[in-house]
Protein backbone atom coordinates (compact mmCIF):
# COMPACT_ATOMS: atom_id res chain seq x y z
CA MET A 1 86.45 39.76 119.10
CA THR A 2 87.14 42.81 121.24
CA SER A 3 88.20 42.27 124.83
CA ASN A 4 86.66 45.55 125.98
CA PRO A 5 83.98 44.91 128.63
CA LEU A 6 80.41 45.19 127.38
CA TRP A 7 79.53 48.17 129.59
CA ARG A 8 82.37 50.19 128.07
CA ARG A 9 81.32 49.31 124.53
CA LEU A 10 77.70 50.21 125.29
CA LEU A 11 78.78 53.58 126.66
CA ALA A 12 80.83 54.23 123.50
CA GLU A 13 77.88 53.26 121.29
CA ALA A 14 75.50 55.48 123.25
CA LEU A 15 77.82 58.49 123.20
CA GLY A 16 78.72 58.01 119.54
CA SER A 17 75.06 57.70 118.57
CA ALA A 18 74.23 60.85 120.56
CA PHE A 19 76.97 62.82 118.81
CA LEU A 20 75.80 61.46 115.46
CA ALA A 21 72.21 62.60 116.01
CA ALA A 22 73.37 65.96 117.35
CA VAL A 23 75.51 66.51 114.25
CA VAL A 24 72.76 65.49 111.81
CA ILE A 25 69.98 67.48 113.48
CA GLY A 26 72.05 70.40 114.73
CA SER A 27 73.63 71.03 111.33
CA GLY A 28 70.17 70.83 109.77
CA ILE A 29 68.86 73.50 112.13
CA ALA A 30 71.88 75.70 111.47
CA ALA A 31 71.48 75.25 107.71
CA GLN A 32 67.83 76.27 107.90
CA ARG A 33 68.72 79.44 109.76
CA LEU A 34 71.77 80.38 107.72
CA SER A 35 70.38 79.59 104.27
CA ALA A 36 66.64 79.93 104.71
CA GLY A 37 64.69 79.26 101.53
CA ASN A 38 67.58 77.67 99.61
CA VAL A 39 66.85 73.98 100.10
CA GLY A 40 69.73 72.80 97.92
CA LEU A 41 72.25 74.79 99.96
CA GLU A 42 70.64 73.67 103.20
CA LEU A 43 71.00 70.04 102.15
CA PHE A 44 74.61 70.57 101.09
CA GLU A 45 75.49 72.12 104.45
CA ASN A 46 73.71 69.32 106.32
CA ALA A 47 75.45 66.63 104.23
CA ALA A 48 78.91 68.16 104.57
CA ALA A 49 78.62 68.50 108.34
CA THR A 50 77.27 64.95 108.67
CA ALA A 51 80.08 63.46 106.54
CA ALA A 52 82.78 65.26 108.51
CA GLY A 53 81.11 64.60 111.84
CA LEU A 54 80.63 60.88 111.18
CA PHE A 55 84.30 60.58 110.23
CA THR A 56 85.47 62.09 113.52
CA ILE A 57 82.88 60.29 115.66
CA ILE A 58 84.04 56.90 114.36
CA LEU A 59 87.62 57.92 115.16
CA MET A 60 86.59 58.92 118.69
CA PHE A 61 84.59 55.88 119.72
CA GLY A 62 85.47 53.19 117.17
CA PRO A 63 88.55 51.90 119.04
CA VAL A 64 86.28 50.98 121.99
CA SER A 65 83.15 49.51 120.41
CA GLY A 66 83.91 49.31 116.70
CA GLY A 67 81.92 52.45 115.95
CA HIS A 68 78.68 50.85 114.77
CA PHE A 69 76.07 53.40 115.98
CA ASN A 70 73.62 51.41 113.83
CA PRO A 71 71.60 48.28 114.73
CA VAL A 72 71.77 46.95 111.16
CA VAL A 73 75.58 47.09 111.20
CA SER A 74 75.64 45.32 114.57
CA PHE A 75 73.33 42.49 113.50
CA VAL A 76 75.07 41.89 110.18
CA ASP A 77 78.36 41.84 112.08
CA ALA A 78 76.88 39.24 114.43
CA GLY A 79 75.77 37.24 111.40
CA PHE A 80 79.41 37.00 110.30
CA GLY A 81 80.59 36.10 113.81
CA GLY A 82 82.33 39.37 114.54
CA LEU A 83 80.03 40.25 117.44
CA ALA A 84 78.16 38.00 119.84
CA TRP A 85 74.41 37.99 119.22
CA ARG A 86 73.69 38.93 122.83
CA ASP A 87 76.04 41.90 122.48
CA ALA A 88 74.37 42.97 119.23
CA VAL A 89 71.01 42.92 121.03
CA ALA A 90 72.50 44.96 123.89
CA TYR A 91 73.89 47.51 121.41
CA VAL A 92 70.40 48.39 120.11
CA PRO A 93 68.99 50.27 123.13
CA ALA A 94 72.31 52.09 123.54
CA GLN A 95 72.21 53.19 119.89
CA VAL A 96 68.53 54.16 119.89
CA GLY A 97 68.72 55.88 123.28
CA GLY A 98 71.84 57.73 122.20
CA CYS A 99 70.18 59.02 119.03
CA ILE A 100 67.14 60.22 120.97
CA GLY A 101 69.39 61.95 123.48
CA GLY A 102 71.37 63.57 120.67
CA ALA A 103 68.16 64.90 119.11
CA VAL A 104 67.12 66.46 122.42
CA LEU A 105 70.59 67.96 122.82
CA ALA A 106 70.49 69.46 119.32
CA ASN A 107 67.11 71.04 120.03
CA LEU A 108 68.35 72.56 123.27
CA MET A 109 71.57 73.90 121.72
CA PHE A 110 69.46 75.98 119.33
CA ALA A 111 67.14 77.27 122.08
CA MET A 112 64.23 75.06 121.03
CA PRO A 113 62.00 72.91 123.26
CA ALA A 114 63.79 69.70 124.24
CA VAL A 115 61.34 67.58 122.23
CA THR A 116 59.49 68.68 119.11
CA ILE A 117 57.87 65.83 117.20
CA SER A 118 58.56 66.11 113.48
CA VAL A 119 55.74 66.51 110.97
CA LYS A 120 57.95 65.90 107.91
CA HIS A 121 56.45 62.95 106.05
CA ARG A 122 58.88 60.85 104.04
CA ALA A 123 56.71 57.82 103.25
CA SER A 124 56.68 56.65 99.62
CA GLY A 125 57.90 53.72 97.59
CA ALA A 126 60.77 55.83 96.27
CA HIS A 127 61.89 56.70 99.80
CA TRP A 128 61.80 53.06 100.90
CA LEU A 129 63.75 51.90 97.85
CA ALA A 130 66.30 54.63 98.55
CA GLU A 131 66.72 53.37 102.11
CA VAL A 132 67.29 49.81 100.88
CA VAL A 133 69.99 51.08 98.49
CA ALA A 134 71.55 53.41 101.07
CA THR A 135 71.81 50.67 103.71
CA LEU A 136 73.09 48.09 101.24
CA GLY A 137 75.83 50.44 100.05
CA LEU A 138 76.87 51.44 103.56
CA LEU A 139 77.33 47.83 104.64
CA LEU A 140 79.21 46.92 101.47
CA VAL A 141 81.66 49.75 102.14
CA ILE A 142 82.21 48.69 105.75
CA PHE A 143 82.60 44.94 105.23
CA ALA A 144 84.62 45.17 102.02
CA LEU A 145 87.18 47.28 103.86
CA ALA A 146 87.28 44.89 106.82
CA ARG A 147 87.62 41.83 104.56
CA THR A 148 90.50 43.33 102.57
CA GLY A 149 92.46 44.60 105.57
CA ARG A 150 91.69 48.27 104.97
CA GLY A 151 89.65 48.91 108.09
CA GLY A 152 91.72 51.98 108.87
CA HIS A 153 90.09 53.71 105.90
CA ALA A 154 86.56 53.08 107.19
CA PRO A 155 85.99 56.40 109.03
CA ALA A 156 86.73 58.44 105.91
CA ALA A 157 84.98 56.01 103.56
CA VAL A 158 81.81 55.81 105.65
CA GLY A 159 81.67 59.59 106.04
CA ALA A 160 82.20 60.10 102.31
CA TYR A 161 79.56 57.52 101.39
CA ILE A 162 76.90 58.99 103.67
CA GLY A 163 77.70 62.52 102.47
CA ALA A 164 77.30 61.41 98.85
CA ALA A 165 74.17 59.40 99.61
CA TYR A 166 72.46 62.53 100.96
CA PHE A 167 72.28 63.55 97.30
CA PHE A 168 71.98 60.34 95.29
CA THR A 169 69.11 58.90 97.38
CA SER A 170 65.67 60.47 97.61
CA SER A 171 65.50 59.67 101.33
CA THR A 172 68.77 61.54 102.07
CA SER A 173 70.24 58.26 103.32
CA PHE A 174 69.23 57.56 106.90
CA ALA A 175 70.52 53.95 106.48
CA ASN A 176 70.13 53.46 110.24
CA PRO A 177 67.03 52.54 112.29
CA ALA A 178 68.43 54.24 115.41
CA ILE A 179 68.88 57.61 113.70
CA ALA A 180 65.44 57.26 112.08
CA VAL A 181 63.91 56.96 115.55
CA GLY A 182 66.01 59.78 116.96
CA ARG A 183 65.11 62.19 114.17
CA MET A 184 61.41 61.90 115.06
CA PHE A 185 62.12 64.08 118.09
CA SER A 186 63.06 67.24 116.22
CA ASN A 187 60.59 69.10 114.01
CA THR A 188 63.37 70.63 111.93
CA PHE A 189 65.12 70.20 108.60
CA ALA A 190 66.44 66.70 109.39
CA GLY A 191 63.30 65.44 111.11
CA ILE A 192 60.98 62.62 110.09
CA ALA A 193 57.34 62.13 111.04
CA PRO A 194 56.70 59.13 113.34
CA SER A 195 54.30 57.63 110.79
CA SER A 196 57.15 57.45 108.26
CA VAL A 197 59.63 55.69 110.56
CA PRO A 198 58.27 52.09 110.36
CA GLY A 199 58.65 52.05 106.57
CA TYR A 200 62.21 53.34 106.86
CA VAL A 201 63.14 50.75 109.48
CA VAL A 202 61.73 47.89 107.40
CA ALA A 203 63.57 49.14 104.30
CA GLU A 204 66.83 49.40 106.26
CA ILE A 205 66.43 45.86 107.55
CA VAL A 206 65.80 44.64 104.00
CA GLY A 207 68.94 46.47 102.91
CA GLY A 208 70.86 44.76 105.70
CA VAL A 209 69.66 41.31 104.67
CA LEU A 210 70.55 41.97 101.04
CA ALA A 211 73.95 43.25 102.12
CA PHE A 212 74.63 40.06 104.09
CA VAL A 213 73.83 37.95 101.03
CA VAL A 214 75.93 40.11 98.68
CA ILE A 215 78.91 40.23 101.06
CA LYS A 216 78.68 36.45 101.55
CA THR A 217 78.71 36.04 97.77
CA LEU A 218 81.54 38.46 97.04
CA TYR A 219 83.66 37.46 100.03
CA PRO A 220 82.80 33.82 100.85
CA SER A 221 85.91 33.46 102.98
CA MET A 222 84.99 36.27 105.38
CA THR A 223 86.17 35.18 108.82
CA SER A 224 84.83 36.10 112.24
CA ALA A 225 88.20 37.74 113.01
CA GLU A 226 87.81 40.02 109.98
CA ALA A 227 84.20 40.80 110.89
CA ALA A 228 85.32 41.69 114.40
CA GLU A 229 87.23 44.64 112.92
CA VAL A 230 83.96 46.31 111.80
CA VAL A 231 83.62 49.29 111.58
CA VAL A 232 87.22 49.97 112.63
CA PRO A 233 89.85 47.86 114.40
CA HIS A 234 89.26 47.95 118.15
CA GLU A 235 91.15 46.51 121.09
CA ALA A 236 91.09 47.09 124.83
CA ASN A 237 94.83 47.56 125.12
CA GLY A 238 97.60 48.33 122.66
CA PRO A 239 97.40 49.15 118.95
CA PRO A 240 94.84 47.63 116.58
CA ALA A 241 95.57 44.08 115.52
CA GLY A 242 98.22 43.92 112.80
CA LEU A 243 99.51 47.44 113.36
CA GLU A 244 102.85 46.07 114.51
CA ASN A 245 103.34 44.65 111.01
CA HIS A 246 102.95 48.01 109.28
CA ARG A 247 106.41 49.45 109.84
CA ARG A 248 108.25 50.87 106.86
CA PRO A 249 110.19 48.28 104.86
CA GLY A 250 113.61 47.84 106.40
CA ALA A 251 112.64 49.57 109.63
CA THR A 252 113.55 47.89 112.89
CA ALA A 253 111.77 47.84 116.18
CA PRO A 254 112.93 50.46 118.68
CA ALA A 255 115.61 49.24 121.07
CA ARG A 256 114.47 48.38 124.55
CA ILE A 257 115.67 50.77 127.22
CA GLU A 258 116.91 48.89 130.27
CA ARG A 259 116.26 50.42 133.67
């Protein structure tokens, strides 16, 4: 488990969640203005920016908190012993508050009122099923990489998965209760009506529960140490755990310089 103090991890989760919401909503606003009337192109622009942005945001804040930015990820991680339950609970307001703040910031950056409640309804059985699938897939990507020692690939893999899921799910892959709440506060391309949010949150929780069962089945030997590397390896000081063992074959450690 990370030795970073909780306050520092909460700050990283809040800032990362704010950047995530700003990227999702801001790129949606830009897409609407640049490609007005071409919904397919608007969605492509929004998806591409989100995939690239998520990749870099995980790189920025992941070494401090793990780069969850998602209550479902935090609670499944706690279920595997990688995060203390009390810390997972503490992560939630930081993640939700960060996403709301990011939505407000996106609105202001495009000269809109700070808060504009979305009227875009996304409530249907197909949308809820899509959110179950999107969340299940996201967690499988994250925990499979952690279990097999490939956590360093998580930023790119998570960004690529979410970018693809914008198109293969009818819900455009929120896969995150915090971002679902945050996107209520922007009546723009990426927004969601408040009445649609409860269904999304429930579907995402169901996806998280299914993911826990599937991961437990596929990787029954998942350890708490491996789960602690979700989403990316994170330590308070020094390189991520195991990095010292990744030198090129035959390479030797640098000689110590005596003073």
